[in-house]
C-alpha cells in the first residue's frame, strides 16, 4: 500500500506525497531508522525531520522497486552521516572532556564507550561492540553470535538505549 502511495507521489501527485510523508512520520518509521544510528534524542528528532524533507525533495527518483523503507534507508544513512560530519566539524575536542561527551553529539573516545558498554548487561555487549565499534554488518554479527538477525537488531537497539542512559549519567 505505501509503495503505491510513493509511486503516485513520484509521478507528481502532491496529495500522495503529503500522505506518504504523514504516514512515515506518524508510523515513526524514519524516526526508528535514525534512532538505530544515533543515541541523542534531540539529534534523532532533528535528523528525522531532515530525512522527511529529503524524501520530499527526492521522491521523483523513487522507482517503485521493493519496499519504500528500502528506498528510504540510504537517505537516512546520508542524513545521519551529514549530521555526524557537522557535529565533528563544529566541535573542538578537549582531551580532558572526552569521557563525558555524548556519543552521537560529540566524538567520544573508544575507551569511554568501551567502559560504558562494560556496564551493560552481557546480553547487549557483544552485539554493540561488533556493530558500533567494529562496524560489522548485522548479518555477520548474527552469524558470529549464532543468533537470528532480528535478535541481534533488537539487542543493538536496546543496548544503544541503555548505553545512552549510562553515557548521560557520566555527564
C-alpha atoms as a PDB file:
ATOM      1  CA  UNK A   1       0.000   0.000   0.000  1.00  0.00           C
ATOM      2  CA  UNK A   2       2.708   2.509   0.962  1.00  0.00           C
ATOM      3  CA  UNK A   3       4.626   1.689  -2.200  1.00  0.00           C
ATOM      4  CA  UNK A   4       1.569   2.625  -4.275  1.00  0.00           C
ATOM      5  CA  UNK A   5       1.298   5.950  -2.460  1.00  0.00           C
ATOM      6  CA  UNK A   6       5.026   6.556  -3.015  1.00  0.00           C
ATOM      7  CA  UNK A   7       4.696   5.675  -6.714  1.00  0.00           C
ATOM      8  CA  UNK A   8       1.849   8.176  -7.095  1.00  0.00           C
ATOM      9  CA  UNK A   9       3.941  10.788  -5.270  1.00  0.00           C
ATOM     10  CA  UNK A  10       6.878  10.061  -7.597  1.00  0.00           C
ATOM     11  CA  UNK A  11       4.563  10.751 -10.527  1.00  0.00           C
ATOM     12  CA  UNK A  12       3.862  14.235  -9.180  1.00  0.00           C
ATOM     13  CA  UNK A  13       0.731  13.643  -7.078  1.00  0.00           C
ATOM     14  CA  UNK A  14       1.179  16.181  -4.262  1.00  0.00           C
ATOM     15  CA  UNK A  15      -1.678  14.721  -2.195  1.00  0.00           C
ATOM     16  CA  UNK A  16       0.062  11.337  -2.343  1.00  0.00           C
ATOM     17  CA  UNK A  17       3.339  12.966  -1.278  1.00  0.00           C
ATOM     18  CA  UNK A  18       1.604  14.553   1.705  1.00  0.00           C
ATOM     19  CA  UNK A  19       0.065  11.182   2.575  1.00  0.00           C
ATOM     20  CA  UNK A  20       3.441   9.435   2.268  1.00  0.00           C
ATOM     21  CA  UNK A  21       5.233  11.942   4.499  1.00  0.00           C
ATOM     22  CA  UNK A  22       2.410  11.899   7.041  1.00  0.00           C
ATOM     23  CA  UNK A  23       2.381   8.085   7.107  1.00  0.00           C
ATOM     24  CA  UNK A  24       6.157   7.858   7.522  1.00  0.00           C
ATOM     25  CA  UNK A  25       6.035  10.467  10.269  1.00  0.00           C
ATOM     26  CA  UNK A  26       3.021   9.018  12.099  1.00  0.00           C
ATOM     27  CA  UNK A  27       4.341   5.447  11.945  1.00  0.00           C
ATOM     28  CA  UNK A  28       7.730   6.730  13.196  1.00  0.00           C
ATOM     29  CA  UNK A  29       9.434   4.554  10.581  1.00  0.00           C
ATOM     30  CA  UNK A  30      12.031   7.192   9.811  1.00  0.00           C
ATOM     31  CA  UNK A  31      12.418   8.011  13.494  1.00  0.00           C
ATOM     32  CA  UNK A  32      13.175   4.364  14.319  1.00  0.00           C
ATOM     33  CA  UNK A  33      15.700   4.130  11.480  1.00  0.00           C
ATOM     34  CA  UNK A  34      17.500   7.258  12.656  1.00  0.00           C
ATOM     35  CA  UNK A  35      17.233   6.135  16.286  1.00  0.00           C
ATOM     36  CA  UNK A  36      19.040   2.932  15.436  1.00  0.00           C
ATOM     37  CA  UNK A  37      22.019   5.027  14.332  1.00  0.00           C
ATOM     38  CA  UNK A  38      22.084   7.869  16.878  1.00  0.00           C
ATOM     39  CA  UNK A  39      21.696   7.951  20.657  1.00  0.00           C
ATOM     40  CA  UNK A  40      20.960  11.619  21.304  1.00  0.00           C
ATOM     41  CA  UNK A  41      17.163  12.003  21.208  1.00  0.00           C
ATOM     42  CA  UNK A  42      17.318  15.630  20.088  1.00  0.00           C
ATOM     43  CA  UNK A  43      19.601  14.621  17.218  1.00  0.00           C
ATOM     44  CA  UNK A  44      17.236  11.768  16.302  1.00  0.00           C
ATOM     45  CA  UNK A  45      14.319  14.209  16.134  1.00  0.00           C
ATOM     46  CA  UNK A  46      16.267  16.740  14.063  1.00  0.00           C
ATOM     47  CA  UNK A  47      17.700  14.212  11.626  1.00  0.00           C
ATOM     48  CA  UNK A  48      14.297  12.545  11.227  1.00  0.00           C
ATOM     49  CA  UNK A  49      12.870  15.858  10.074  1.00  0.00           C
ATOM     50  CA  UNK A  50      15.791  16.322   7.684  1.00  0.00           C
ATOM     51  CA  UNK A  51      15.094  12.859   6.254  1.00  0.00           C
ATOM     52  CA  UNK A  52      11.423  13.661   5.665  1.00  0.00           C
ATOM     53  CA  UNK A  53      12.435  16.866   3.897  1.00  0.00           C
ATOM     54  CA  UNK A  54      14.932  14.909   1.780  1.00  0.00           C
ATOM     55  CA  UNK A  55      12.240  12.394   0.876  1.00  0.00           C
ATOM     56  CA  UNK A  56      10.024  15.229  -0.312  1.00  0.00           C
ATOM     57  CA  UNK A  57      12.829  16.561  -2.492  1.00  0.00           C
ATOM     58  CA  UNK A  58      13.885  13.233  -3.951  1.00  0.00           C
ATOM     59  CA  UNK A  59      10.560  11.424  -4.354  1.00  0.00           C
ATOM     60  CA  UNK A  60      10.824  11.858  -8.126  1.00  0.00           C
ATOM     61  CA  UNK A  61      13.670   9.321  -8.095  1.00  0.00           C
ATOM     62  CA  UNK A  62      11.556   6.628  -6.411  1.00  0.00           C
ATOM     63  CA  UNK A  63      11.137   3.766  -8.897  1.00  0.00           C
ATOM     64  CA  UNK A  64       8.640   1.596  -7.043  1.00  0.00           C
ATOM     65  CA  UNK A  65      11.006  -1.350  -6.774  1.00  0.00           C
ATOM     66  CA  UNK A  66      10.981  -3.102  -3.395  1.00  0.00           C
ATOM     67  CA  UNK A  67       9.760  -1.690  -0.130  1.00  0.00           C
ATOM     68  CA  UNK A  68       9.575   2.039   0.484  1.00  0.00           C
ATOM     69  CA  UNK A  69      11.700   1.530   3.601  1.00  0.00           C
ATOM     70  CA  UNK A  70      14.458   0.063   1.400  1.00  0.00           C
ATOM     71  CA  UNK A  71      14.401   3.254  -0.663  1.00  0.00           C
ATOM     72  CA  UNK A  72      14.296   5.460   2.461  1.00  0.00           C
ATOM     73  CA  UNK A  73      17.141   3.711   4.298  1.00  0.00           C
ATOM     74  CA  UNK A  74      20.006   5.148   2.177  1.00  0.00           C
ATOM     75  CA  UNK A  75      18.500   8.613   2.626  1.00  0.00           C
ATOM     76  CA  UNK A  76      18.522   8.071   6.389  1.00  0.00           C
ATOM     77  CA  UNK A  77      22.150   6.929   6.291  1.00  0.00           C
ATOM     78  CA  UNK A  78      23.192  10.010   4.304  1.00  0.00           C
ATOM     79  CA  UNK A  79      21.381  12.421   6.643  1.00  0.00           C
ATOM     80  CA  UNK A  80      22.870  10.722   9.728  1.00  0.00           C
ATOM     81  CA  UNK A  81      26.342  10.900   8.172  1.00  0.00           C
ATOM     82  CA  UNK A  82      25.746  14.590   7.379  1.00  0.00           C
ATOM     83  CA  UNK A  83      24.679  15.205  10.979  1.00  0.00           C
ATOM     84  CA  UNK A  84      27.735  13.451  12.408  1.00  0.00           C
ATOM     85  CA  UNK A  85      30.023  15.297   9.990  1.00  0.00           C
ATOM     86  CA  UNK A  86      28.522  18.651  11.037  1.00  0.00           C
ATOM     87  CA  UNK A  87      28.954  17.735  14.692  1.00  0.00           C
ATOM     88  CA  UNK A  88      32.550  16.678  14.151  1.00  0.00           C
ATOM     89  CA  UNK A  89      33.375  19.784  12.126  1.00  0.00           C
ATOM     90  CA  UNK A  90      31.782  22.188  14.613  1.00  0.00           C
ATOM     91  CA  UNK A  91      33.185  20.607  17.762  1.00  0.00           C
ATOM     92  CA  UNK A  92      36.600  21.287  19.186  1.00  0.00           C
ATOM     93  CA  UNK A  93      37.894  18.400  21.212  1.00  0.00           C
ATOM     94  CA  UNK A  94      39.285  18.873  24.676  1.00  0.00           C
ATOM     95  CA  UNK A  95      41.039  15.649  25.691  1.00  0.00           C
ATOM     96  CA  UNK A  96      40.063  16.088  29.353  1.00  0.00           C
ATOM     97  CA  UNK A  97      36.395  16.492  28.472  1.00  0.00           C
ATOM     98  CA  UNK A  98      36.074  13.496  26.129  1.00  0.00           C
ATOM     99  CA  UNK A  99      34.850  10.913  28.674  1.00  0.00           C
ATOM    100  CA  UNK A 100      31.748  12.934  29.467  1.00  0.00           C
ATOM    101  CA  UNK A 101      30.619  13.724  25.925  1.00  0.00           C
ATOM    102  CA  UNK A 102      27.549  12.162  24.307  1.00  0.00           C
ATOM    103  CA  UNK A 103      28.375   9.579  21.621  1.00  0.00           C
ATOM    104  CA  UNK A 104      26.109  10.937  18.895  1.00  0.00           C
ATOM    105  CA  UNK A 105      26.506  14.631  19.564  1.00  0.00           C
ATOM    106  CA  UNK A 106      30.279  14.661  20.120  1.00  0.00           C
ATOM    107  CA  UNK A 107      33.103  12.398  19.093  1.00  0.00           C
ATOM    108  CA  UNK A 108      33.672  10.185  22.122  1.00  0.00           C
ATOM    109  CA  UNK A 109      36.786   8.197  22.787  1.00  0.00           C
ATOM    110  CA  UNK A 110      36.634   4.475  22.129  1.00  0.00           C
ATOM    111  CA  UNK A 111      37.857   3.862  25.691  1.00  0.00           C
ATOM    112  CA  UNK A 112      34.890   5.786  27.123  1.00  0.00           C
ATOM    113  CA  UNK A 113      32.454   3.824  25.006  1.00  0.00           C
ATOM    114  CA  UNK A 114      34.080   0.510  25.937  1.00  0.00           C
ATOM    115  CA  UNK A 115      33.861   1.475  29.624  1.00  0.00           C
ATOM    116  CA  UNK A 116      30.177   2.334  29.247  1.00  0.00           C
ATOM    117  CA  UNK A 117      29.486  -0.859  27.269  1.00  0.00           C
ATOM    118  CA  UNK A 118      31.131  -2.877  30.058  1.00  0.00           C
ATOM    119  CA  UNK A 119      28.398  -1.562  32.380  1.00  0.00           C
ATOM    120  CA  UNK A 120      25.671  -3.036  30.154  1.00  0.00           C
ATOM    121  CA  UNK A 121      24.148  -6.464  30.751  1.00  0.00           C
ATOM    122  CA  UNK A 122      26.255  -9.059  28.900  1.00  0.00           C
ATOM    123  CA  UNK A 123      23.334  -9.750  26.555  1.00  0.00           C
ATOM    124  CA  UNK A 124      23.951  -6.422  24.799  1.00  0.00           C
ATOM    125  CA  UNK A 125      27.722  -6.072  24.994  1.00  0.00           C
ATOM    126  CA  UNK A 126      28.886  -8.309  22.135  1.00  0.00           C
ATOM    127  CA  UNK A 127      26.270  -7.023  19.681  1.00  0.00           C
ATOM    128  CA  UNK A 128      27.119  -3.379  20.398  1.00  0.00           C
ATOM    129  CA  UNK A 129      30.870  -3.870  20.253  1.00  0.00           C
ATOM    130  CA  UNK A 130      30.664  -5.733  16.948  1.00  0.00           C
ATOM    131  CA  UNK A 131      28.225  -3.242  15.393  1.00  0.00           C
ATOM    132  CA  UNK A 132      29.218   0.152  16.742  1.00  0.00           C
ATOM    133  CA  UNK A 133      32.924  -0.239  17.411  1.00  0.00           C
ATOM    134  CA  UNK A 134      33.928  -2.881  14.895  1.00  0.00           C
ATOM    135  CA  UNK A 135      31.393  -1.643  12.265  1.00  0.00           C
ATOM    136  CA  UNK A 136      30.322  -5.168  11.255  1.00  0.00           C
ATOM    137  CA  UNK A 137      27.047  -5.687   9.374  1.00  0.00           C
ATOM    138  CA  UNK A 138      24.142  -7.214  11.307  1.00  0.00           C
ATOM    139  CA  UNK A 139      24.237 -10.391   9.198  1.00  0.00           C
ATOM    140  CA  UNK A 140      27.865 -11.035  10.131  1.00  0.00           C
ATOM    141  CA  UNK A 141      27.191 -10.317  13.804  1.00  0.00           C
ATOM    142  CA  UNK A 142      24.283 -12.763  13.745  1.00  0.00           C
ATOM    143  CA  UNK A 143      26.489 -15.425  12.175  1.00  0.00           C
ATOM    144  CA  UNK A 144      29.295 -14.861  14.693  1.00  0.00           C
ATOM    145  CA  UNK A 145      26.952 -14.965  17.678  1.00  0.00           C
ATOM    146  CA  UNK A 146      24.753 -17.747  16.299  1.00  0.00           C
ATOM    147  CA  UNK A 147      21.624 -15.629  16.668  1.00  0.00           C
ATOM    148  CA  UNK A 148      18.832 -14.602  14.289  1.00  0.00           C
ATOM    149  CA  UNK A 149      19.340 -11.155  12.698  1.00  0.00           C
ATOM    150  CA  UNK A 150      16.163  -9.861  14.359  1.00  0.00           C
ATOM    151  CA  UNK A 151      17.532 -10.756  17.784  1.00  0.00           C
ATOM    152  CA  UNK A 152      20.802  -9.005  17.001  1.00  0.00           C
ATOM    153  CA  UNK A 153      18.938  -5.881  15.813  1.00  0.00           C
ATOM    154  CA  UNK A 154      16.810  -5.862  18.984  1.00  0.00           C
ATOM    155  CA  UNK A 155      19.882  -6.264  21.196  1.00  0.00           C
ATOM    156  CA  UNK A 156      21.644  -3.442  19.381  1.00  0.00           C
ATOM    157  CA  UNK A 157      18.629  -1.160  19.717  1.00  0.00           C
ATOM    158  CA  UNK A 158      18.037  -1.922  23.393  1.00  0.00           C
ATOM    159  CA  UNK A 159      21.752  -1.803  24.109  1.00  0.00           C
ATOM    160  CA  UNK A 160      22.056   1.623  22.495  1.00  0.00           C
ATOM    161  CA  UNK A 161      19.167   2.899  24.606  1.00  0.00           C
ATOM    162  CA  UNK A 162      20.785   1.616  27.788  1.00  0.00           C
ATOM    163  CA  UNK A 163      24.188   2.901  26.656  1.00  0.00           C
ATOM    164  CA  UNK A 164      22.687   6.355  26.136  1.00  0.00           C
ATOM    165  CA  UNK A 165      21.443   6.312  29.724  1.00  0.00           C
ATOM    166  CA  UNK A 166      24.868   5.261  31.015  1.00  0.00           C
ATOM    167  CA  UNK A 167      26.617   7.977  28.997  1.00  0.00           C
ATOM    168  CA  UNK A 168      24.077  10.506  30.231  1.00  0.00           C
ATOM    169  CA  UNK A 169      24.971   9.575  33.815  1.00  0.00           C
ATOM    170  CA  UNK A 170      28.643  10.212  33.011  1.00  0.00           C
ATOM    171  CA  UNK A 171      27.807  13.847  32.078  1.00  0.00           C
END
